[in-house]
C-alpha cells in the first residue's frame, strides 16, 4: 500500500460514508449482493485522520486469513474498522450477526443497514 492508495481510500470514505476493501491489494470493492456481517473481536474505533497504512495492512492480513473483507464506515466522526464476511442469505447473515454480537448487518443490494433489534 502506498500513500496515494491510502489517500484514495480516505477520500472515498469521506464521500460515501464507508468502504469495503478486498483482502488482496486493499482495493475498494463495490458489493451489490449479499449482506456484510462483522466478525467479533476485530472491531477498531478510530478517526479518518488516524487511519494509517499499518492498520490497514494488519487488517488486510486478518481478512485474507479468514476469507473476509476489511470494512470501514464513518459515523458521527468515528471511523469503524472491522473484518466482514459477505453472506448471501439473509437468515444466515442475521444468525451469524447474532453469534458475533453485532448490532446490524449491511444490505449490499439496498445500500442500507439492517438492525438486529
PDB file of N, CA and C in Angstrom:
ATOM      1  N   UNK A   1       0.854  -1.177   0.000  1.00  0.00           N
ATOM      2  CA  UNK A   1       0.000   0.000   0.000  1.00  0.00           C
ATOM      3  C   UNK A   1       0.893   1.230   0.000  1.00  0.00           C
ATOM      4  N   UNK A   2       0.495   2.203  -0.808  1.00  0.00           N
ATOM      5  CA  UNK A   2       1.253   3.449  -0.837  1.00  0.00           C
ATOM      6  C   UNK A   2       0.372   4.613  -0.363  1.00  0.00           C
ATOM      7  N   UNK A   3       0.982   5.788  -0.238  1.00  0.00           N
ATOM      8  CA  UNK A   3       0.255   6.961   0.263  1.00  0.00           C
ATOM      9  C   UNK A   3      -0.894   7.370  -0.653  1.00  0.00           C
ATOM     10  N   UNK A   4      -0.719   7.201  -1.960  1.00  0.00           N
ATOM     11  CA  UNK A   4      -1.770   7.549  -2.911  1.00  0.00           C
ATOM     12  C   UNK A   4      -3.008   6.676  -2.698  1.00  0.00           C
ATOM     13  N   UNK A   5      -2.797   5.390  -2.479  1.00  0.00           N
ATOM     14  CA  UNK A   5      -3.914   4.474  -2.250  1.00  0.00           C
ATOM     15  C   UNK A   5      -4.612   4.807  -0.929  1.00  0.00           C
ATOM     16  N   UNK A   6      -3.845   5.093   0.123  1.00  0.00           N
ATOM     17  CA  UNK A   6      -4.432   5.466   1.408  1.00  0.00           C
ATOM     18  C   UNK A   6      -5.270   6.733   1.270  1.00  0.00           C
ATOM     19  N   UNK A   7      -4.763   7.705   0.553  1.00  0.00           N
ATOM     20  CA  UNK A   7      -5.491   8.958   0.336  1.00  0.00           C
ATOM     21  C   UNK A   7      -6.794   8.703  -0.430  1.00  0.00           C
ATOM     22  N   UNK A   8      -6.752   7.817  -1.431  1.00  0.00           N
ATOM     23  CA  UNK A   8      -7.952   7.492  -2.217  1.00  0.00           C
ATOM     24  C   UNK A   8      -9.000   6.794  -1.350  1.00  0.00           C
ATOM     25  N   UNK A   9      -8.561   5.900  -0.466  1.00  0.00           N
ATOM     26  CA  UNK A   9      -9.492   5.214   0.433  1.00  0.00           C
ATOM     27  C   UNK A   9     -10.148   6.213   1.363  1.00  0.00           C
ATOM     28  N   UNK A  10      -9.358   7.095   1.960  1.00  0.00           N
ATOM     29  CA  UNK A  10      -9.903   8.110   2.869  1.00  0.00           C
ATOM     30  C   UNK A  10     -10.883   9.024   2.144  1.00  0.00           C
ATOM     31  N   UNK A  11     -10.557   9.416   0.932  1.00  0.00           N
ATOM     32  CA  UNK A  11     -11.432  10.276   0.140  1.00  0.00           C
ATOM     33  C   UNK A  11     -12.760   9.574  -0.141  1.00  0.00           C
ATOM     34  N   UNK A  12     -12.694   8.303  -0.497  1.00  0.00           N
ATOM     35  CA  UNK A  12     -13.904   7.517  -0.771  1.00  0.00           C
ATOM     36  C   UNK A  12     -14.782   7.439   0.480  1.00  0.00           C
ATOM     37  N   UNK A  13     -14.172   7.189   1.616  1.00  0.00           N
ATOM     38  CA  UNK A  13     -14.920   7.107   2.877  1.00  0.00           C
ATOM     39  C   UNK A  13     -15.597   8.437   3.179  1.00  0.00           C
ATOM     40  N   UNK A  14     -14.895   9.534   2.975  1.00  0.00           N
ATOM     41  CA  UNK A  14     -15.463  10.858   3.248  1.00  0.00           C
ATOM     42  C   UNK A  14     -16.655  11.152   2.331  1.00  0.00           C
ATOM     43  N   UNK A  15     -16.587  10.687   1.094  1.00  0.00           N
ATOM     44  CA  UNK A  15     -17.663  10.938   0.134  1.00  0.00           C
ATOM     45  C   UNK A  15     -18.865  10.023   0.339  1.00  0.00           C
ATOM     46  N   UNK A  16     -18.604   8.755   0.677  1.00  0.00           N
ATOM     47  CA  UNK A  16     -19.683   7.765   0.698  1.00  0.00           C
ATOM     48  C   UNK A  16     -20.060   7.287   2.102  1.00  0.00           C
ATOM     49  N   UNK A  17     -19.222   7.554   3.085  1.00  0.00           N
ATOM     50  CA  UNK A  17     -19.501   7.116   4.451  1.00  0.00           C
ATOM     51  C   UNK A  17     -18.912   5.769   4.805  1.00  0.00           C
ATOM     52  N   UNK A  18     -18.244   5.127   3.852  1.00  0.00           N
ATOM     53  CA  UNK A  18     -17.634   3.844   4.160  1.00  0.00           C
ATOM     54  C   UNK A  18     -17.002   3.194   2.955  1.00  0.00           C
ATOM     55  N   UNK A  19     -16.434   2.014   3.192  1.00  0.00           N
ATOM     56  CA  UNK A  19     -15.798   1.268   2.108  1.00  0.00           C
ATOM     57  C   UNK A  19     -15.635  -0.184   2.519  1.00  0.00           C
ATOM     58  N   UNK A  20     -15.652  -1.047   1.520  1.00  0.00           N
ATOM     59  CA  UNK A  20     -15.299  -2.449   1.683  1.00  0.00           C
ATOM     60  C   UNK A  20     -14.035  -2.660   0.869  1.00  0.00           C
ATOM     61  N   UNK A  21     -12.991  -3.157   1.522  1.00  0.00           N
ATOM     62  CA  UNK A  21     -11.710  -3.346   0.850  1.00  0.00           C
ATOM     63  C   UNK A  21     -11.423  -4.826   0.663  1.00  0.00           C
ATOM     64  N   UNK A  22     -10.956  -5.167  -0.512  1.00  0.00           N
ATOM     65  CA  UNK A  22     -10.612  -6.553  -0.805  1.00  0.00           C
ATOM     66  C   UNK A  22      -9.362  -6.941  -0.019  1.00  0.00           C
ATOM     67  N   UNK A  23      -9.275  -8.195   0.419  1.00  0.00           N
ATOM     68  CA  UNK A  23      -8.093  -8.625   1.153  1.00  0.00           C
ATOM     69  C   UNK A  23      -6.856  -8.740   0.266  1.00  0.00           C
ATOM     70  N   UNK A  24      -7.061  -8.720  -1.013  1.00  0.00           N
ATOM     71  CA  UNK A  24      -5.935  -8.765  -1.955  1.00  0.00           C
ATOM     72  C   UNK A  24      -5.733  -7.371  -2.532  1.00  0.00           C
ATOM     73  N   UNK A  25      -4.809  -6.638  -1.985  1.00  0.00           N
ATOM     74  CA  UNK A  25      -4.470  -5.328  -2.523  1.00  0.00           C
ATOM     75  C   UNK A  25      -5.198  -4.164  -1.894  1.00  0.00           C
ATOM     76  N   UNK A  26      -6.131  -4.419  -1.000  1.00  0.00           N
ATOM     77  CA  UNK A  26      -6.903  -3.361  -0.336  1.00  0.00           C
ATOM     78  C   UNK A  26      -7.583  -2.423  -1.327  1.00  0.00           C
ATOM     79  N   UNK A  27      -8.136  -3.000  -2.377  1.00  0.00           N
ATOM     80  CA  UNK A  27      -8.866  -2.214  -3.360  1.00  0.00           C
ATOM     81  C   UNK A  27     -10.313  -2.048  -2.910  1.00  0.00           C
ATOM     82  N   UNK A  28     -10.895  -0.892  -3.202  1.00  0.00           N
ATOM     83  CA  UNK A  28     -12.297  -0.641  -2.882  1.00  0.00           C
ATOM     84  C   UNK A  28     -13.139  -1.593  -3.715  1.00  0.00           C
ATOM     85  N   UNK A  29     -13.987  -2.357  -3.039  1.00  0.00           N
ATOM     86  CA  UNK A  29     -14.818  -3.360  -3.679  1.00  0.00           C
ATOM     87  C   UNK A  29     -16.270  -2.938  -3.563  1.00  0.00           C
ATOM     88  N   UNK A  30     -16.940  -2.803  -4.687  1.00  0.00           N
ATOM     89  CA  UNK A  30     -18.347  -2.422  -4.671  1.00  0.00           C
ATOM     90  C   UNK A  30     -19.194  -3.689  -4.693  1.00  0.00           C
ATOM     91  N   UNK A  31     -19.740  -4.012  -3.551  1.00  0.00           N
ATOM     92  CA  UNK A  31     -20.549  -5.213  -3.411  1.00  0.00           C
ATOM     93  C   UNK A  31     -21.994  -4.884  -3.768  1.00  0.00           C
ATOM     94  N   UNK A  32     -22.631  -5.722  -4.574  1.00  0.00           N
ATOM     95  CA  UNK A  32     -24.016  -5.474  -4.978  1.00  0.00           C
ATOM     96  C   UNK A  32     -24.965  -6.580  -4.530  1.00  0.00           C
ATOM     97  N   UNK A  33     -24.409  -7.627  -3.934  1.00  0.00           N
ATOM     98  CA  UNK A  33     -25.240  -8.754  -3.494  1.00  0.00           C
ATOM     99  C   UNK A  33     -24.843  -9.168  -2.089  1.00  0.00           C
ATOM    100  N   UNK A  34     -25.766  -9.788  -1.403  1.00  0.00           N
ATOM    101  CA  UNK A  34     -25.482 -10.345  -0.093  1.00  0.00           C
ATOM    102  C   UNK A  34     -25.489  -9.303   1.013  1.00  0.00           C
ATOM    103  N   UNK A  35     -24.995  -9.744   2.156  1.00  0.00           N
ATOM    104  CA  UNK A  35     -25.026  -8.928   3.375  1.00  0.00           C
ATOM    105  C   UNK A  35     -23.649  -8.981   4.023  1.00  0.00           C
ATOM    106  N   UNK A  36     -23.173  -7.856   4.487  1.00  0.00           N
ATOM    107  CA  UNK A  36     -21.882  -7.795   5.162  1.00  0.00           C
ATOM    108  C   UNK A  36     -22.117  -7.959   6.659  1.00  0.00           C
ATOM    109  N   UNK A  37     -21.398  -8.924   7.229  1.00  0.00           N
ATOM    110  CA  UNK A  37     -21.515  -9.232   8.653  1.00  0.00           C
ATOM    111  C   UNK A  37     -20.124  -9.158   9.274  1.00  0.00           C
ATOM    112  N   UNK A  38     -20.000  -8.374  10.326  1.00  0.00           N
ATOM    113  CA  UNK A  38     -18.714  -8.232  11.010  1.00  0.00           C
ATOM    114  C   UNK A  38     -18.404  -9.451  11.861  1.00  0.00           C
ATOM    115  N   UNK A  39     -17.121  -9.755  11.961  1.00  0.00           N
ATOM    116  CA  UNK A  39     -16.633 -10.862  12.764  1.00  0.00           C
ATOM    117  C   UNK A  39     -16.231 -10.320  14.138  1.00  0.00           C
ATOM    118  N   UNK A  40     -16.734 -10.929  15.167  1.00  0.00           N
ATOM    119  CA  UNK A  40     -16.470 -10.484  16.537  1.00  0.00           C
ATOM    120  C   UNK A  40     -14.974 -10.497  16.862  1.00  0.00           C
ATOM    121  N   UNK A  41     -14.556  -9.467  17.578  1.00  0.00           N
ATOM    122  CA  UNK A  41     -13.188  -9.420  18.074  1.00  0.00           C
ATOM    123  C   UNK A  41     -12.222  -8.615  17.228  1.00  0.00           C
ATOM    124  N   UNK A  42     -12.693  -8.061  16.128  1.00  0.00           N
ATOM    125  CA  UNK A  42     -11.798  -7.321  15.240  1.00  0.00           C
ATOM    126  C   UNK A  42     -12.259  -5.888  15.006  1.00  0.00           C
ATOM    127  N   UNK A  43     -13.072  -5.350  15.914  1.00  0.00           N
ATOM    128  CA  UNK A  43     -13.576  -4.004  15.751  1.00  0.00           C
ATOM    129  C   UNK A  43     -12.552  -2.993  16.270  1.00  0.00           C
ATOM    130  N   UNK A  44     -12.379  -1.929  15.533  1.00  0.00           N
ATOM    131  CA  UNK A  44     -11.484  -0.841  15.927  1.00  0.00           C
ATOM    132  C   UNK A  44     -12.215   0.473  15.711  1.00  0.00           C
ATOM    133  N   UNK A  45     -12.182   1.343  16.708  1.00  0.00           N
ATOM    134  CA  UNK A  45     -12.725   2.695  16.576  1.00  0.00           C
ATOM    135  C   UNK A  45     -11.551   3.654  16.500  1.00  0.00           C
ATOM    136  N   UNK A  46     -11.576   4.514  15.497  1.00  0.00           N
ATOM    137  CA  UNK A  46     -10.513   5.483  15.302  1.00  0.00           C
ATOM    138  C   UNK A  46     -11.112   6.709  14.622  1.00  0.00           C
ATOM    139  N   UNK A  47     -10.293   7.487  13.978  1.00  0.00           N
ATOM    140  CA  UNK A  47     -10.777   8.631  13.195  1.00  0.00           C
ATOM    141  C   UNK A  47     -10.190   8.519  11.799  1.00  0.00           C
ATOM    142  N   UNK A  48     -10.807   9.221  10.877  1.00  0.00           N
ATOM    143  CA  UNK A  48     -10.315   9.193   9.493  1.00  0.00           C
ATOM    144  C   UNK A  48      -8.881   9.723   9.427  1.00  0.00           C
ATOM    145  N   UNK A  49      -8.584  10.699  10.279  1.00  0.00           N
ATOM    146  CA  UNK A  49      -7.236  11.287  10.285  1.00  0.00           C
ATOM    147  C   UNK A  49      -6.190  10.288  10.795  1.00  0.00           C
ATOM    148  N   UNK A  50      -6.575   9.429  11.731  1.00  0.00           N
ATOM    149  CA  UNK A  50      -5.624   8.488  12.325  1.00  0.00           C
ATOM    150  C   UNK A  50      -5.489   7.183  11.547  1.00  0.00           C
ATOM    151  N   UNK A  51      -6.371   6.965  10.576  1.00  0.00           N
ATOM    152  CA  UNK A  51      -6.267   5.750   9.771  1.00  0.00           C
ATOM    153  C   UNK A  51      -4.944   5.763   9.020  1.00  0.00           C
ATOM    154  N   UNK A  52      -4.163   4.692   9.181  1.00  0.00           N
ATOM    155  CA  UNK A  52      -2.849   4.657   8.534  1.00  0.00           C
ATOM    156  C   UNK A  52      -2.631   3.341   7.790  1.00  0.00           C
ATOM    157  N   UNK A  53      -1.539   3.310   7.038  1.00  0.00           N
ATOM    158  CA  UNK A  53      -1.222   2.136   6.226  1.00  0.00           C
ATOM    159  C   UNK A  53      -0.996   0.911   7.102  1.00  0.00           C
ATOM    160  N   UNK A  54      -0.340   1.081   8.230  1.00  0.00           N
ATOM    161  CA  UNK A  54      -0.038  -0.052   9.108  1.00  0.00           C
ATOM    162  C   UNK A  54      -1.314  -0.738   9.588  1.00  0.00           C
ATOM    163  N   UNK A  55      -2.306   0.050   9.991  1.00  0.00           N
ATOM    164  CA  UNK A  55      -3.581  -0.509  10.442  1.00  0.00           C
ATOM    165  C   UNK A  55      -4.257  -1.269   9.317  1.00  0.00           C
ATOM    166  N   UNK A  56      -4.336  -0.664   8.144  1.00  0.00           N
ATOM    167  CA  UNK A  56      -4.995  -1.327   7.019  1.00  0.00           C
ATOM    168  C   UNK A  56      -4.265  -2.607   6.605  1.00  0.00           C
ATOM    169  N   UNK A  57      -2.960  -2.580   6.626  1.00  0.00           N
ATOM    170  CA  UNK A  57      -2.200  -3.775   6.258  1.00  0.00           C
ATOM    171  C   UNK A  57      -2.372  -4.884   7.287  1.00  0.00           C
ATOM    172  N   UNK A  58      -2.489  -4.535   8.572  1.00  0.00           N
ATOM    173  CA  UNK A  58      -2.742  -5.529   9.621  1.00  0.00           C
ATOM    174  C   UNK A  58      -4.123  -6.160   9.416  1.00  0.00           C
ATOM    175  N   UNK A  59      -5.132  -5.315   9.140  1.00  0.00           N
ATOM    176  CA  UNK A  59      -6.479  -5.824   8.896  1.00  0.00           C
ATOM    177  C   UNK A  59      -6.543  -6.626   7.600  1.00  0.00           C
ATOM    178  N   UNK A  60      -5.750  -6.245   6.624  1.00  0.00           N
ATOM    179  CA  UNK A  60      -5.703  -6.988   5.369  1.00  0.00           C
ATOM    180  C   UNK A  60      -5.248  -8.425   5.614  1.00  0.00           C
ATOM    181  N   UNK A  61      -4.228  -8.620   6.424  1.00  0.00           N
ATOM    182  CA  UNK A  61      -3.723  -9.967   6.719  1.00  0.00           C
ATOM    183  C   UNK A  61      -4.791 -10.803   7.420  1.00  0.00           C
ATOM    184  N   UNK A  62      -5.497 -10.187   8.371  1.00  0.00           N
ATOM    185  CA  UNK A  62      -6.553 -10.906   9.084  1.00  0.00           C
ATOM    186  C   UNK A  62      -7.676 -11.285   8.115  1.00  0.00           C
ATOM    187  N   UNK A  63      -8.109 -10.316   7.308  1.00  0.00           N
ATOM    188  CA  UNK A  63      -9.190 -10.563   6.349  1.00  0.00           C
ATOM    189  C   UNK A  63      -8.808 -11.681   5.389  1.00  0.00           C
ATOM    190  N   UNK A  64      -7.592 -11.644   4.902  1.00  0.00           N
ATOM    191  CA  UNK A  64      -7.137 -12.668   3.963  1.00  0.00           C
ATOM    192  C   UNK A  64      -7.168 -14.044   4.618  1.00  0.00           C
ATOM    193  N   UNK A  65      -6.734 -14.142   5.867  1.00  0.00           N
ATOM    194  CA  UNK A  65      -6.697 -15.435   6.553  1.00  0.00           C
ATOM    195  C   UNK A  65      -8.097 -15.972   6.858  1.00  0.00           C
ATOM    196  N   UNK A  66      -9.096 -15.098   6.913  1.00  0.00           N
ATOM    197  CA  UNK A  66     -10.462 -15.502   7.246  1.00  0.00           C
ATOM    198  C   UNK A  66     -11.389 -15.546   6.032  1.00  0.00           C
ATOM    199  N   UNK A  67     -10.857 -15.290   4.848  1.00  0.00           N
ATOM    200  CA  UNK A  67     -11.698 -15.267   3.649  1.00  0.00           C
ATOM    201  C   UNK A  67     -12.734 -14.167   3.735  1.00  0.00           C
ATOM    202  N   UNK A  68     -12.310 -13.000   4.232  1.00  0.00           N
ATOM    203  CA  UNK A  68     -13.230 -11.900   4.500  1.00  0.00           C
ATOM    204  C   UNK A  68     -12.711 -10.607   3.868  1.00  0.00           C
ATOM    205  N   UNK A  69     -13.337  -9.505   4.233  1.00  0.00           N
ATOM    206  CA  UNK A  69     -13.002  -8.184   3.711  1.00  0.00           C
ATOM    207  C   UNK A  69     -12.682  -7.248   4.874  1.00  0.00           C
ATOM    208  N   UNK A  70     -12.043  -6.132   4.555  1.00  0.00           N
ATOM    209  CA  UNK A  70     -11.841  -5.066   5.532  1.00  0.00           C
ATOM    210  C   UNK A  70     -12.997  -4.092   5.354  1.00  0.00           C
ATOM    211  N   UNK A  71     -13.751  -3.884   6.420  1.00  0.00           N
ATOM    212  CA  UNK A  71     -14.886  -2.972   6.379  1.00  0.00           C
ATOM    213  C   UNK A  71     -14.553  -1.675   7.095  1.00  0.00           C
ATOM    214  N   UNK A  72     -14.964  -0.563   6.514  1.00  0.00           N
ATOM    215  CA  UNK A  72     -14.758   0.752   7.113  1.00  0.00           C
ATOM    216  C   UNK A  72     -16.046   1.544   6.988  1.00  0.00           C
ATOM    217  N   UNK A  73     -16.458   2.186   8.064  1.00  0.00           N
ATOM    218  CA  UNK A  73     -17.587   3.097   7.945  1.00  0.00           C
ATOM    219  C   UNK A  73     -17.434   4.223   8.932  1.00  0.00           C
ATOM    220  N   UNK A  74     -17.906   5.382   8.520  1.00  0.00           N
ATOM    221  CA  UNK A  74     -17.784   6.615   9.276  1.00  0.00           C
ATOM    222  C   UNK A  74     -19.145   6.983   9.835  1.00  0.00           C
ATOM    223  N   UNK A  75     -19.207   7.210  11.158  1.00  0.00           N
ATOM    224  CA  UNK A  75     -20.462   7.566  11.808  1.00  0.00           C
ATOM    225  C   UNK A  75     -20.183   8.612  12.879  1.00  0.00           C
ATOM    226  N   UNK A  76     -20.702   9.808  12.670  1.00  0.00           N
ATOM    227  CA  UNK A  76     -20.569  10.906  13.633  1.00  0.00           C
ATOM    228  C   UNK A  76     -19.117  11.154  14.027  1.00  0.00           C
ATOM    229  N   UNK A  77     -18.233  11.145  13.042  1.00  0.00           N
ATOM    230  CA  UNK A  77     -16.825  11.440  13.276  1.00  0.00           C
ATOM    231  C   UNK A  77     -15.983  10.264  13.733  1.00  0.00           C
ATOM    232  N   UNK A  78     -16.615   9.123  13.985  1.00  0.00           N
ATOM    233  CA  UNK A  78     -15.879   7.920  14.401  1.00  0.00           C
ATOM    234  C   UNK A  78     -15.749   6.998  13.196  1.00  0.00           C
ATOM    235  N   UNK A  79     -14.532   6.547  12.940  1.00  0.00           N
ATOM    236  CA  UNK A  79     -14.292   5.588  11.864  1.00  0.00           C
ATOM    237  C   UNK A  79     -14.201   4.197  12.486  1.00  0.00           C
ATOM    238  N   UNK A  80     -15.060   3.303  12.021  1.00  0.00           N
ATOM    239  CA  UNK A  80     -15.065   1.919  12.478  1.00  0.00           C
ATOM    240  C   UNK A  80     -14.360   1.066  11.435  1.00  0.00           C
ATOM    241  N   UNK A  81     -13.437   0.252  11.900  1.00  0.00           N
ATOM    242  CA  UNK A  81     -12.701  -0.669  11.037  1.00  0.00           C
ATOM    243  C   UNK A  81     -13.002  -2.072  11.549  1.00  0.00           C
ATOM    244  N   UNK A  82     -13.338  -2.990  10.647  1.00  0.00           N
ATOM    245  CA  UNK A  82     -13.625  -4.355  11.083  1.00  0.00           C
ATOM    246  C   UNK A  82     -13.298  -5.363   9.990  1.00  0.00           C
ATOM    247  N   UNK A  83     -13.490  -6.612  10.334  1.00  0.00           N
ATOM    248  CA  UNK A  83     -13.371  -7.718   9.391  1.00  0.00           C
ATOM    249  C   UNK A  83     -14.795  -8.161   9.097  1.00  0.00           C
ATOM    250  N   UNK A  84     -15.180  -8.188   7.823  1.00  0.00           N
ATOM    251  CA  UNK A  84     -16.553  -8.509   7.439  1.00  0.00           C
ATOM    252  C   UNK A  84     -16.588  -9.627   6.409  1.00  0.00           C
ATOM    253  N   UNK A  85     -17.614 -10.444   6.538  1.00  0.00           N
ATOM    254  CA  UNK A  85     -17.852 -11.515   5.561  1.00  0.00           C
ATOM    255  C   UNK A  85     -19.086 -11.173   4.742  1.00  0.00           C
ATOM    256  N   UNK A  86     -19.062 -11.550   3.481  1.00  0.00           N
ATOM    257  CA  UNK A  86     -20.204 -11.348   2.601  1.00  0.00           C
ATOM    258  C   UNK A  86     -21.018 -12.642   2.598  1.00  0.00           C
ATOM    259  N   UNK A  87     -22.218 -12.562   3.186  1.00  0.00           N
ATOM    260  CA  UNK A  87     -23.100 -13.715   3.312  1.00  0.00           C
ATOM    261  C   UNK A  87     -24.291 -13.508   2.375  1.00  0.00           C
ATOM    262  N   UNK A  88     -24.593 -14.482   1.540  1.00  0.00           N
ATOM    263  CA  UNK A  88     -25.637 -14.319   0.530  1.00  0.00           C
ATOM    264  C   UNK A  88     -27.059 -14.411   1.080  1.00  0.00           C
ATOM    265  N   UNK A  89     -27.303 -15.270   2.037  1.00  0.00           N
ATOM    266  CA  UNK A  89     -28.655 -15.480   2.545  1.00  0.00           C
ATOM    267  C   UNK A  89     -28.924 -14.610   3.773  1.00  0.00           C
ATOM    268  N   UNK A  90     -30.064 -13.914   3.774  1.00  0.00           N
ATOM    269  CA  UNK A  90     -30.419 -13.020   4.872  1.00  0.00           C
ATOM    270  C   UNK A  90     -30.492 -13.752   6.205  1.00  0.00           C
ATOM    271  N   UNK A  91     -31.168 -14.898   6.260  1.00  0.00           N
ATOM    272  CA  UNK A  91     -31.296 -15.627   7.524  1.00  0.00           C
ATOM    273  C   UNK A  91     -29.942 -16.049   8.073  1.00  0.00           C
ATOM    274  N   UNK A  92     -29.062 -16.483   7.193  1.00  0.00           N
ATOM    275  CA  UNK A  92     -27.717 -16.884   7.611  1.00  0.00           C
ATOM    276  C   UNK A  92     -26.947 -15.672   8.120  1.00  0.00           C
ATOM    277  N   UNK A  93     -27.073 -14.548   7.426  1.00  0.00           N
ATOM    278  CA  UNK A  93     -26.380 -13.320   7.838  1.00  0.00           C
ATOM    279  C   UNK A  93     -26.871 -12.850   9.203  1.00  0.00           C
ATOM    280  N   UNK A  94     -28.181 -12.900   9.422  1.00  0.00           N
ATOM    281  CA  UNK A  94     -28.737 -12.480  10.710  1.00  0.00           C
ATOM    282  C   UNK A  94     -28.276 -13.409  11.835  1.00  0.00           C
ATOM    283  N   UNK A  95     -28.257 -14.708  11.575  1.00  0.00           N
ATOM    284  CA  UNK A  95     -27.792 -15.673  12.583  1.00  0.00           C
ATOM    285  C   UNK A  95     -26.323 -15.445  12.920  1.00  0.00           C
ATOM    286  N   UNK A  96     -25.513 -15.244  11.887  1.00  0.00           N
ATOM    287  CA  UNK A  96     -24.087 -15.002  12.102  1.00  0.00           C
ATOM    288  C   UNK A  96     -23.875 -13.706  12.886  1.00  0.00           C
ATOM    289  N   UNK A  97     -24.669 -12.689  12.597  1.00  0.00           N
ATOM    290  CA  UNK A  97     -24.549 -11.411  13.304  1.00  0.00           C
ATOM    291  C   UNK A  97     -24.871 -11.589  14.786  1.00  0.00           C
ATOM    292  N   UNK A  98     -25.874 -12.387  15.085  1.00  0.00           N
ATOM    293  CA  UNK A  98     -26.230 -12.642  16.493  1.00  0.00           C
ATOM    294  C   UNK A  98     -25.097 -13.356  17.212  1.00  0.00           C
ATOM    295  N   UNK A  99     -24.542 -14.378  16.585  1.00  0.00           N
ATOM    296  CA  UNK A  99     -23.430 -15.128  17.174  1.00  0.00           C
ATOM    297  C   UNK A  99     -22.227 -14.202  17.405  1.00  0.00           C
ATOM    298  N   UNK A 100     -22.006 -13.272  16.498  1.00  0.00           N
ATOM    299  CA  UNK A 100     -20.872 -12.351  16.584  1.00  0.00           C
ATOM    300  C   UNK A 100     -21.199 -11.083  17.376  1.00  0.00           C
ATOM    301  N   UNK A 101     -22.382 -11.072  17.997  1.00  0.00           N
ATOM    302  CA  UNK A 101     -22.813  -9.960  18.858  1.00  0.00           C
ATOM    303  C   UNK A 101     -22.763  -8.608  18.142  1.00  0.00           C
ATOM    304  N   UNK A 102     -23.277  -8.594  16.920  1.00  0.00           N
ATOM    305  CA  UNK A 102     -23.313  -7.372  16.132  1.00  0.00           C
ATOM    306  C   UNK A 102     -24.665  -6.686  16.290  1.00  0.00           C
ATOM    307  N   UNK A 103     -24.673  -5.376  16.108  1.00  0.00           N
ATOM    308  CA  UNK A 103     -25.909  -4.603  16.209  1.00  0.00           C
ATOM    309  C   UNK A 103     -26.662  -4.557  14.884  1.00  0.00           C
ATOM    310  N   UNK A 104     -25.917  -4.709  13.781  1.00  0.00           N
ATOM    311  CA  UNK A 104     -26.532  -4.574  12.467  1.00  0.00           C
ATOM    312  C   UNK A 104     -25.704  -5.315  11.429  1.00  0.00           C
ATOM    313  N   UNK A 105     -26.318  -5.548  10.275  1.00  0.00           N
ATOM    314  CA  UNK A 105     -25.624  -6.050   9.096  1.00  0.00           C
ATOM    315  C   UNK A 105     -25.866  -5.034   7.986  1.00  0.00           C
ATOM    316  N   UNK A 106     -25.105  -5.151   6.906  1.00  0.00           N
ATOM    317  CA  UNK A 106     -25.250  -4.207   5.801  1.00  0.00           C
ATOM    318  C   UNK A 106     -25.781  -4.932   4.579  1.00  0.00           C
ATOM    319  N   UNK A 107     -26.877  -4.435   4.034  1.00  0.00           N
ATOM    320  CA  UNK A 107     -27.501  -4.988   2.830  1.00  0.00           C
ATOM    321  C   UNK A 107     -26.823  -4.351   1.622  1.00  0.00           C
ATOM    322  N   UNK A 108     -26.014  -5.126   0.919  1.00  0.00           N
ATOM    323  CA  UNK A 108     -25.271  -4.596  -0.230  1.00  0.00           C
ATOM    324  C   UNK A 108     -26.176  -4.133  -1.364  1.00  0.00           C
ATOM    325  N   UNK A 109     -27.254  -4.846  -1.621  1.00  0.00           N
ATOM    326  CA  UNK A 109     -28.146  -4.506  -2.727  1.00  0.00           C
ATOM    327  C   UNK A 109     -28.869  -3.184  -2.480  1.00  0.00           C
ATOM    328  N   UNK A 110     -29.317  -2.976  -1.261  1.00  0.00           N
ATOM    329  CA  UNK A 110     -30.073  -1.761  -0.927  1.00  0.00           C
ATOM    330  C   UNK A 110     -29.192  -0.624  -0.431  1.00  0.00           C
ATOM    331  N   UNK A 111     -27.943  -0.950  -0.060  1.00  0.00           N
ATOM    332  CA  UNK A 111     -27.059   0.085   0.457  1.00  0.00           C
ATOM    333  C   UNK A 111     -27.510   0.646   1.796  1.00  0.00           C
ATOM    334  N   UNK A 112     -28.010  -0.259   2.653  1.00  0.00           N
ATOM    335  CA  UNK A 112     -28.575   0.187   3.931  1.00  0.00           C
ATOM    336  C   UNK A 112     -28.298  -0.853   5.013  1.00  0.00           C
ATOM    337  N   UNK A 113     -28.320  -0.382   6.260  1.00  0.00           N
ATOM    338  CA  UNK A 113     -28.130  -1.264   7.408  1.00  0.00           C
ATOM    339  C   UNK A 113     -29.435  -1.915   7.813  1.00  0.00           C
ATOM    340  N   UNK A 114     -29.338  -3.135   8.307  1.00  0.00           N
ATOM    341  CA  UNK A 114     -30.468  -3.847   8.901  1.00  0.00           C
ATOM    342  C   UNK A 114     -30.089  -4.093  10.354  1.00  0.00           C
ATOM    343  N   UNK A 115     -30.840  -3.470  11.262  1.00  0.00           N
ATOM    344  CA  UNK A 115     -30.544  -3.581  12.680  1.00  0.00           C
ATOM    345  C   UNK A 115     -31.210  -4.822  13.262  1.00  0.00           C
ATOM    346  N   UNK A 116     -30.494  -5.493  14.162  1.00  0.00           N
ATOM    347  CA  UNK A 116     -30.994  -6.734  14.747  1.00  0.00           C
ATOM    348  C   UNK A 116     -32.062  -6.492  15.803  1.00  0.00           C
ATOM    349  N   UNK A 117     -32.094  -5.325  16.392  1.00  0.00           N
ATOM    350  CA  UNK A 117     -33.078  -5.060  17.444  1.00  0.00           C
ATOM    351  C   UNK A 117     -34.032  -3.977  17.050  1.00  0.00           C
TER     352      UNK A 117
END
